[in-house]
Amino acid sequence: MLDMPRAREVFEASEDFTVGIEEEFGILEPGTLALDHRFEELRDAARSEDDVLAESVAGELIESEIEITSGRGSSFADAAARQADHRARLFGLAARHQAPLSATGTHPFSTWQEQRVIDTEHYRRVEDGLQYVARRNNTFSLHVHVGIRGADRAIAVCDRLRPVLPELLALSANSIFLDGRDSGLQSARSQIFTKSFPRCGIPDAFGNFAEYADYVELLVRTNSVVEHTQLWWSVRPHHSFGTVEIRICDAQTGAEESTALAGLIVACAAQAALDHDEGVGFAHPSRRLVEENFWRAIRWGLDGRLIDLDRGEEFPAQAVGDRLLAWTAPARSALSVDVSLPSENGAQRQRRALAGGASMEEVFAAEVSESRRTYAGTRVTS
């Protein structure tokens, strides 16, 4: 399952800037909004009621979670349109089956001890290998795949995106509640997932595909991994798709927020590839320096300050959106990716509601309502 020469061939044959979007949702009880173990029910309903949805629904670790995928889009616009249709189909299906869906990075009060891992070979292997670490990971996120042609070029893009990851996390922070209380964090999801799973979070810079392949082959040889999906980094080369997959972001409450963030992620990956092609120099910061910003994004999100690693100076995290838009302007122009970021992220919105006197349960109910309103959208007829 880990054939590195074959993975190189996949990247050499890949097509630049194709896009795939994956979004994870919690499945809820209609009355309490607690997590509910109904993935198999919704999956089977999708198979029997909607041929399009049947191909785009997937499981993701626990029985109270469901993932929707766009499939391979020829461009960001194509993938975004596909995903909008698939989302609307999923929310329509969930409504017919009285199964509300949530789109925050964590569930505020359902405990991890009550969740069940789905019964597939892959997730049985994950649970067996990681035990508590896997069972504790009841989180929901946004993943974006961007096609990158060339194995060495894909590694160059992954390397360039390392210091960008905390900035994307700050923009996406949307998980302040965990275990029935305010975590004090902006992205509790990142703390319990990326800080717990092995081979996760910020990877080292590899420099080229040969170095990366040597590392993976060492892991295989020493019985550390058996498939590339056990490399859970927040940016990784996907061996099967020939894409760079960016996995740092919390799930987004609103569809517009999620689409805008996905567009910015595509632009970041494309800009990294264009910079590489044009020989734009870049000094790769150490993992320990990137981790400083990673922690700041987890703890304070857009309300804190990040470090400009080139200058060695702090700057307001609220400025990160404008900074990334400025850097990616050439790629966005070339790919016709229009990004309109919201004025605040989900964590800021929820904390504002708390400060106004709302309870945790009321804040979450409002988030669920917003997800239903925006993700349901208008379904594209087949």
Protein backbone atom coordinates (compact mmCIF):
# COMPACT_ATOMS: atom_id res chain seq x y z
CA MET A 1 0.00 0.00 0.00
CA LEU A 2 3.04 2.29 0.30
CA ASP A 3 4.70 2.02 -3.10
CA MET A 4 6.87 5.13 -3.28
CA PRO A 5 7.95 4.70 -6.94
CA ARG A 6 4.26 4.45 -7.82
CA ALA A 7 3.51 7.57 -5.74
CA ARG A 8 6.16 9.45 -7.71
CA GLU A 9 4.53 8.34 -10.96
CA VAL A 10 1.16 9.60 -9.73
CA PHE A 11 2.60 13.06 -9.06
CA GLU A 12 4.49 13.18 -12.34
CA ALA A 13 1.20 12.53 -14.15
CA SER A 14 -0.90 14.83 -11.97
CA GLU A 15 -2.67 17.92 -13.31
CA ASP A 16 -1.96 21.31 -11.80
CA PHE A 17 -4.56 23.02 -9.63
CA THR A 18 -7.39 20.53 -9.78
CA VAL A 19 -9.31 20.83 -6.51
CA GLY A 20 -11.09 18.54 -4.09
CA ILE A 21 -12.96 19.70 -0.98
CA GLU A 22 -13.84 17.57 2.05
CA GLU A 23 -16.06 18.80 4.90
CA GLU A 24 -16.89 16.95 8.11
CA PHE A 25 -20.15 17.36 10.05
CA GLY A 26 -21.45 16.14 13.39
CA ILE A 27 -24.69 14.12 13.35
CA LEU A 28 -27.01 15.32 16.12
CA GLU A 29 -30.11 14.27 18.04
CA PRO A 30 -32.94 16.63 17.02
CA GLY A 31 -33.96 17.58 20.55
CA THR A 32 -30.77 17.78 22.59
CA LEU A 33 -28.29 18.48 19.74
CA ALA A 34 -26.02 15.84 21.30
CA LEU A 35 -23.96 13.70 18.94
CA ASP A 36 -25.94 10.74 17.61
CA HIS A 37 -24.62 7.45 16.18
CA ARG A 38 -26.42 7.53 12.83
CA PHE A 39 -23.73 7.53 10.16
CA GLU A 40 -24.66 4.12 8.76
CA GLU A 41 -28.33 5.12 8.62
CA LEU A 42 -27.58 8.30 6.66
CA ARG A 43 -25.07 6.52 4.41
CA ASP A 44 -27.58 3.81 3.55
CA ALA A 45 -30.28 6.43 2.97
CA ALA A 46 -27.95 8.29 0.62
CA ARG A 47 -27.35 5.09 -1.34
CA SER A 48 -31.04 4.41 -1.73
CA GLU A 49 -32.33 7.98 -2.23
CA ASP A 50 -29.66 9.94 -4.12
CA ASP A 51 -27.15 8.52 -6.60
CA VAL A 52 -25.01 11.67 -6.50
CA LEU A 53 -24.92 11.77 -2.72
CA ALA A 54 -24.15 8.07 -2.55
CA GLU A 55 -20.81 8.76 -4.24
CA SER A 56 -19.90 11.79 -2.13
CA VAL A 57 -20.73 10.69 1.43
CA ALA A 58 -18.02 9.05 3.52
CA GLY A 59 -17.39 7.98 7.10
CA GLU A 60 -14.75 9.62 9.28
CA LEU A 61 -13.69 7.75 12.44
CA ILE A 62 -16.85 7.91 14.58
CA GLU A 63 -20.47 6.90 13.97
CA SER A 64 -21.70 10.40 14.83
CA GLU A 65 -19.73 12.06 12.02
CA ILE A 66 -20.30 12.26 8.27
CA GLU A 67 -18.09 13.65 5.53
CA ILE A 68 -19.12 15.14 2.22
CA THR A 69 -16.68 15.42 -0.68
CA SER A 70 -16.72 17.37 -3.92
CA GLY A 71 -14.80 14.83 -5.94
CA ARG A 72 -12.14 16.04 -8.37
CA GLY A 73 -12.94 19.47 -9.75
CA SER A 74 -11.10 20.78 -12.80
CA SER A 75 -10.81 24.14 -11.00
CA PHE A 76 -11.74 25.73 -7.72
CA ALA A 77 -14.97 27.06 -9.22
CA ASP A 78 -15.88 23.56 -10.42
CA ALA A 79 -15.10 21.95 -7.05
CA ALA A 80 -16.97 24.68 -5.14
CA ALA A 81 -20.07 24.23 -7.31
CA ARG A 82 -19.95 20.45 -6.88
CA GLN A 83 -19.54 20.80 -3.12
CA ALA A 84 -22.42 23.28 -2.84
CA ASP A 85 -24.67 20.77 -4.57
CA HIS A 86 -23.43 17.87 -2.44
CA ARG A 87 -23.85 19.86 0.78
CA ALA A 88 -27.42 20.78 -0.12
CA ARG A 89 -28.21 17.16 -0.91
CA LEU A 90 -26.72 16.03 2.42
CA PHE A 91 -28.57 18.62 4.49
CA GLY A 92 -31.78 17.78 2.67
CA LEU A 93 -31.31 14.09 3.39
CA ALA A 94 -30.48 14.80 7.03
CA ALA A 95 -33.60 16.96 7.40
CA ARG A 96 -35.82 14.22 5.95
CA HIS A 97 -34.38 11.82 8.50
CA GLN A 98 -34.58 14.31 11.38
CA ALA A 99 -30.82 14.33 11.92
CA PRO A 100 -29.50 17.89 12.36
CA LEU A 101 -25.87 18.46 11.37
CA SER A 102 -23.25 20.64 13.05
CA ALA A 103 -20.18 22.30 11.55
CA THR A 104 -17.89 23.38 14.36
CA GLY A 105 -14.44 21.97 15.05
CA THR A 106 -15.57 20.19 18.22
CA HIS A 107 -18.89 19.30 19.79
CA PRO A 108 -19.40 21.35 22.95
CA PHE A 109 -20.82 18.79 25.36
CA SER A 110 -21.04 15.24 23.95
CA THR A 111 -18.27 13.22 25.58
CA TRP A 112 -15.75 11.19 23.64
CA GLN A 113 -16.44 8.17 25.86
CA GLU A 114 -19.93 7.91 24.37
CA GLN A 115 -18.78 7.79 20.74
CA ARG A 116 -18.21 4.64 18.72
CA VAL A 117 -15.59 4.12 16.02
CA ILE A 118 -17.08 3.10 12.67
CA ASP A 119 -16.58 -0.51 11.66
CA THR A 120 -14.16 -0.40 8.74
CA GLU A 121 -10.77 -2.06 8.32
CA HIS A 122 -9.02 1.30 8.19
CA TYR A 123 -10.59 2.72 11.34
CA ARG A 124 -10.28 -0.56 13.23
CA ARG A 125 -6.55 -0.31 12.46
CA VAL A 126 -6.47 3.32 13.61
CA GLU A 127 -8.22 2.50 16.89
CA ASP A 128 -6.11 -0.58 17.52
CA GLY A 129 -2.88 1.33 16.89
CA LEU A 130 -3.71 4.57 18.71
CA GLN A 131 -6.18 3.46 21.40
CA TYR A 132 -7.15 6.48 23.58
CA VAL A 133 -5.61 8.93 21.10
CA ALA A 134 -8.00 7.79 18.38
CA ARG A 135 -11.06 7.50 20.61
CA ARG A 136 -10.45 10.97 22.07
CA ASN A 137 -10.39 12.57 18.63
CA ASN A 138 -14.00 13.64 18.14
CA THR A 139 -13.24 16.55 15.81
CA PHE A 140 -14.53 18.05 12.57
CA SER A 141 -12.50 19.81 9.91
CA LEU A 142 -12.16 21.14 6.39
CA HIS A 143 -9.64 19.50 4.04
CA VAL A 144 -8.64 20.81 0.61
CA HIS A 145 -6.74 18.90 -2.09
CA VAL A 146 -4.84 20.81 -4.78
CA GLY A 147 -3.36 18.99 -7.76
CA ILE A 148 0.39 19.56 -8.17
CA ARG A 149 2.27 18.13 -11.12
CA GLY A 150 5.71 16.77 -10.29
CA ALA A 151 6.85 14.86 -7.22
CA ASP A 152 9.66 17.23 -6.23
CA ARG A 153 7.37 20.19 -6.91
CA ALA A 154 4.70 18.75 -4.62
CA ILE A 155 7.22 18.45 -1.80
CA ALA A 156 8.36 22.03 -2.47
CA VAL A 157 4.75 23.19 -2.10
CA CYS A 158 4.34 21.27 1.17
CA ASP A 159 7.58 22.77 2.47
CA ARG A 160 6.53 26.32 1.52
CA LEU A 161 3.13 25.96 3.19
CA ARG A 162 4.53 24.96 6.59
CA PRO A 163 4.68 28.51 8.03
CA VAL A 164 1.33 29.32 6.39
CA LEU A 165 -0.47 26.59 8.34
CA PRO A 166 -0.80 28.49 11.65
CA GLU A 167 -2.09 31.50 9.74
CA LEU A 168 -4.81 29.42 8.08
CA LEU A 169 -5.67 27.93 11.46
CA ALA A 170 -6.05 31.37 13.01
CA LEU A 171 -8.46 32.32 10.24
CA SER A 172 -10.47 29.12 10.66
CA ALA A 173 -10.51 28.76 14.48
CA ASN A 174 -14.01 27.56 15.35
CA SER A 175 -13.87 25.24 18.36
CA ILE A 176 -13.92 27.00 21.72
CA PHE A 177 -16.04 24.43 23.60
CA LEU A 178 -15.00 20.95 24.71
CA ASP A 179 -16.20 18.51 27.37
CA GLY A 180 -19.06 20.76 28.44
CA ARG A 181 -17.05 23.89 29.10
CA ASP A 182 -15.24 26.81 27.51
CA SER A 183 -11.77 25.45 26.74
CA GLY A 184 -10.16 28.89 26.82
CA LEU A 185 -8.77 28.04 23.37
CA GLN A 186 -9.85 29.25 19.96
CA SER A 187 -9.21 25.85 18.32
CA ALA A 188 -9.64 23.05 20.85
CA ARG A 189 -9.85 20.70 17.87
CA SER A 190 -6.23 21.37 16.98
CA GLN A 191 -5.07 20.71 20.52
CA ILE A 192 -6.73 17.31 20.88
CA PHE A 193 -5.98 16.14 17.34
CA THR A 194 -2.73 17.62 16.06
CA LYS A 195 -1.03 17.59 19.45
CA SER A 196 -2.01 13.97 20.14
CA PHE A 197 -1.77 11.99 16.91
CA PRO A 198 1.66 10.74 15.82
CA ARG A 199 3.15 12.18 12.63
CA CYS A 200 0.74 15.08 12.87
CA GLY A 201 0.78 18.88 12.92
CA ILE A 202 3.72 20.70 11.32
CA PRO A 203 5.99 18.37 9.31
CA ASP A 204 9.68 18.91 8.72
CA ALA A 205 10.81 20.40 5.42
CA PHE A 206 11.95 17.51 3.19
CA GLY A 207 13.46 19.43 0.28
CA ASN A 208 12.71 16.84 -2.39
CA PHE A 209 10.71 13.70 -3.01
CA ALA A 210 13.69 11.36 -2.55
CA GLU A 211 14.19 12.54 1.03
CA TYR A 212 10.48 12.20 1.70
CA ALA A 213 10.41 8.70 0.19
CA ASP A 214 13.40 7.66 2.30
CA TYR A 215 11.54 8.71 5.43
CA VAL A 216 8.33 6.90 4.47
CA GLU A 217 10.25 3.76 3.54
CA LEU A 218 11.95 3.86 6.95
CA LEU A 219 8.54 3.99 8.60
CA VAL A 220 7.40 0.99 6.55
CA ARG A 221 10.59 -0.94 7.20
CA THR A 222 10.30 -0.40 10.95
CA ASN A 223 6.60 -1.38 11.05
CA SER A 224 5.52 2.16 11.98
CA VAL A 225 2.93 2.61 9.18
CA VAL A 226 1.24 0.49 6.54
CA GLU A 227 -0.56 3.21 4.54
CA HIS A 228 0.14 6.81 3.67
CA THR A 229 -2.98 8.05 5.44
CA GLN A 230 -1.16 7.29 8.71
CA LEU A 231 0.88 10.41 7.97
CA TRP A 232 -1.57 12.80 9.60
CA TRP A 233 0.36 16.02 9.01
CA SER A 234 -1.53 19.27 8.50
CA VAL A 235 -0.10 19.41 4.98
CA ARG A 236 0.86 16.25 3.13
CA PRO A 237 1.33 14.82 -0.35
CA HIS A 238 -1.53 12.48 -1.17
CA HIS A 239 -0.08 9.43 -2.88
CA SER A 240 -3.28 8.27 -4.57
CA PHE A 241 -4.52 11.59 -5.93
CA GLY A 242 -1.31 13.43 -6.81
CA THR A 243 -2.44 16.35 -4.68
CA VAL A 244 -1.13 18.42 -1.81
CA GLU A 245 -3.70 18.09 0.96
CA ILE A 246 -4.10 20.93 3.48
CA ARG A 247 -5.74 19.66 6.69
CA ILE A 248 -5.17 22.42 9.26
CA CYS A 249 -8.59 24.11 9.39
CA ASP A 250 -11.53 23.71 11.75
CA ALA A 251 -14.91 22.95 10.20
CA GLN A 252 -16.72 26.17 9.34
CA THR A 253 -20.19 26.96 10.65
CA GLY A 254 -21.31 28.79 7.50
CA ALA A 255 -21.12 27.60 3.91
CA GLU A 256 -19.83 30.98 2.71
CA GLU A 257 -17.06 30.90 5.32
CA SER A 258 -16.05 27.40 4.29
CA THR A 259 -16.01 28.20 0.58
CA ALA A 260 -13.98 31.38 1.10
CA LEU A 261 -11.46 29.53 3.25
CA ALA A 262 -11.18 26.70 0.70
CA GLY A 263 -10.55 29.28 -2.02
CA LEU A 264 -7.78 30.89 0.00
CA ILE A 265 -6.19 27.48 0.65
CA VAL A 266 -6.21 26.70 -3.08
CA ALA A 267 -4.63 30.07 -3.76
CA CYS A 268 -1.90 29.44 -1.16
CA ALA A 269 -0.98 26.07 -2.68
CA ALA A 270 -1.02 27.49 -6.20
CA GLN A 271 1.07 30.51 -5.18
CA ALA A 272 3.62 28.22 -3.54
CA ALA A 273 3.87 26.28 -6.81
CA LEU A 274 4.18 29.46 -8.89
CA ASP A 275 6.87 30.85 -6.58
CA HIS A 276 8.78 27.59 -6.92
CA ASP A 277 8.51 27.71 -10.71
CA GLU A 278 9.79 31.29 -10.78
CA GLY A 279 12.71 30.56 -8.47
CA VAL A 280 11.44 32.77 -5.66
CA GLY A 281 13.76 32.16 -2.74
CA PHE A 282 12.39 31.15 0.64
CA ALA A 283 14.19 30.33 3.87
CA HIS A 284 12.40 27.40 5.49
CA PRO A 285 11.88 28.14 9.20
CA SER A 286 12.55 25.42 11.74
CA ARG A 287 9.68 23.39 13.02
CA ARG A 288 10.15 24.88 16.49
CA LEU A 289 9.56 28.38 15.14
CA VAL A 290 6.47 27.40 13.17
CA GLU A 291 5.18 25.67 16.31
CA GLU A 292 5.31 28.99 18.17
CA ASN A 293 2.78 30.42 15.74
CA PHE A 294 0.82 27.18 15.78
CA TRP A 295 0.30 27.46 19.53
CA ARG A 296 -0.66 31.13 19.24
CA ALA A 297 -3.28 30.24 16.64
CA ILE A 298 -4.68 27.49 18.87
CA ARG A 299 -4.80 29.68 21.96
CA TRP A 300 -5.74 33.13 20.66
CA GLY A 301 -6.73 32.71 17.00
CA LEU A 302 -7.31 36.08 15.36
CA ASP A 303 -7.49 37.84 18.75
CA GLY A 304 -3.78 37.42 19.44
CA ARG A 305 -0.51 38.15 17.74
CA LEU A 306 1.54 35.98 15.39
CA ILE A 307 5.25 36.13 14.61
CA ASP A 308 6.56 37.28 11.23
CA LEU A 309 9.22 34.59 11.02
CA ASP A 310 11.22 36.46 8.36
CA ARG A 311 11.46 39.65 10.43
CA GLY A 312 11.37 38.09 13.88
CA GLU A 313 8.60 40.51 14.88
CA GLU A 314 5.03 40.17 16.11
CA PHE A 315 2.04 41.38 14.14
CA PRO A 316 -1.71 41.39 14.89
CA ALA A 317 -3.23 38.05 13.89
CA GLN A 318 -6.26 39.94 12.60
CA ALA A 319 -4.05 41.10 9.72
CA VAL A 320 -3.28 37.58 8.53
CA GLY A 321 -6.12 37.47 6.01
CA ASP A 322 -4.92 40.61 4.23
CA ARG A 323 -1.34 39.33 4.27
CA LEU A 324 -2.30 36.02 2.67
CA LEU A 325 -4.53 37.75 0.11
CA ALA A 326 -1.63 40.01 -0.85
CA TRP A 327 0.78 37.09 -1.24
CA THR A 328 -1.66 35.01 -3.29
CA ALA A 329 -2.84 37.82 -5.58
CA PRO A 330 -0.98 36.43 -8.66
CA ALA A 331 -2.35 32.91 -8.17
CA ARG A 332 -5.87 34.13 -7.51
CA SER A 333 -5.75 36.23 -10.66
CA ALA A 334 -4.39 33.38 -12.76
CA LEU A 335 -6.97 30.89 -11.45
CA SER A 336 -9.90 33.33 -11.16
CA VAL A 337 -10.31 32.55 -7.46
CA ASP A 338 -12.31 35.30 -5.76
CA VAL A 339 -11.99 35.22 -1.96
CA SER A 340 -14.07 37.33 0.41
CA LEU A 341 -13.08 36.53 3.99
CA PRO A 342 -15.50 37.27 6.86
CA SER A 343 -14.68 40.03 9.34
CA GLU A 344 -14.47 37.54 12.21
CA ASN A 345 -13.97 33.80 12.56
CA GLY A 346 -16.25 31.34 14.29
CA ALA A 347 -14.38 31.48 17.61
CA GLN A 348 -14.72 35.27 17.74
CA ARG A 349 -18.41 35.09 16.88
CA GLN A 350 -19.09 32.52 19.59
CA ARG A 351 -17.13 34.43 22.22
CA ARG A 352 -19.04 37.59 21.32
CA ALA A 353 -22.30 35.69 21.92
CA LEU A 354 -20.99 34.39 25.26
CA ALA A 355 -20.03 37.90 26.30
CA GLY A 356 -23.57 38.98 25.45
CA GLY A 357 -24.98 36.53 27.97
CA ALA A 358 -25.76 33.45 25.86
CA SER A 359 -25.11 30.02 27.34
CA MET A 360 -22.89 27.40 25.70
CA GLU A 361 -26.00 25.49 24.63
CA GLU A 362 -27.56 28.62 23.12
CA VAL A 363 -24.37 29.49 21.26
CA PHE A 364 -24.16 26.00 19.80
CA ALA A 365 -27.83 25.97 18.83
CA ALA A 366 -27.31 29.22 16.95
CA GLU A 367 -24.32 27.71 15.12
CA VAL A 368 -26.36 24.64 14.15
CA SER A 369 -29.13 26.88 12.86
CA GLU A 370 -26.65 28.91 10.79
CA SER A 371 -25.21 25.74 9.28
CA ARG A 372 -28.67 24.49 8.35
CA ARG A 373 -29.52 27.85 6.77
CA THR A 374 -26.35 28.26 4.71
CA TYR A 375 -25.31 24.70 3.81
CA ALA A 376 -28.78 23.59 2.76
CA GLY A 377 -28.70 26.14 -0.06
CA THR A 378 -30.43 25.37 -3.34
CA ARG A 379 -29.78 21.88 -4.60
CA VAL A 380 -28.63 21.50 -8.17
CA THR A 381 -31.07 19.15 -9.87
CA SER A 382 -29.59 16.06 -11.49
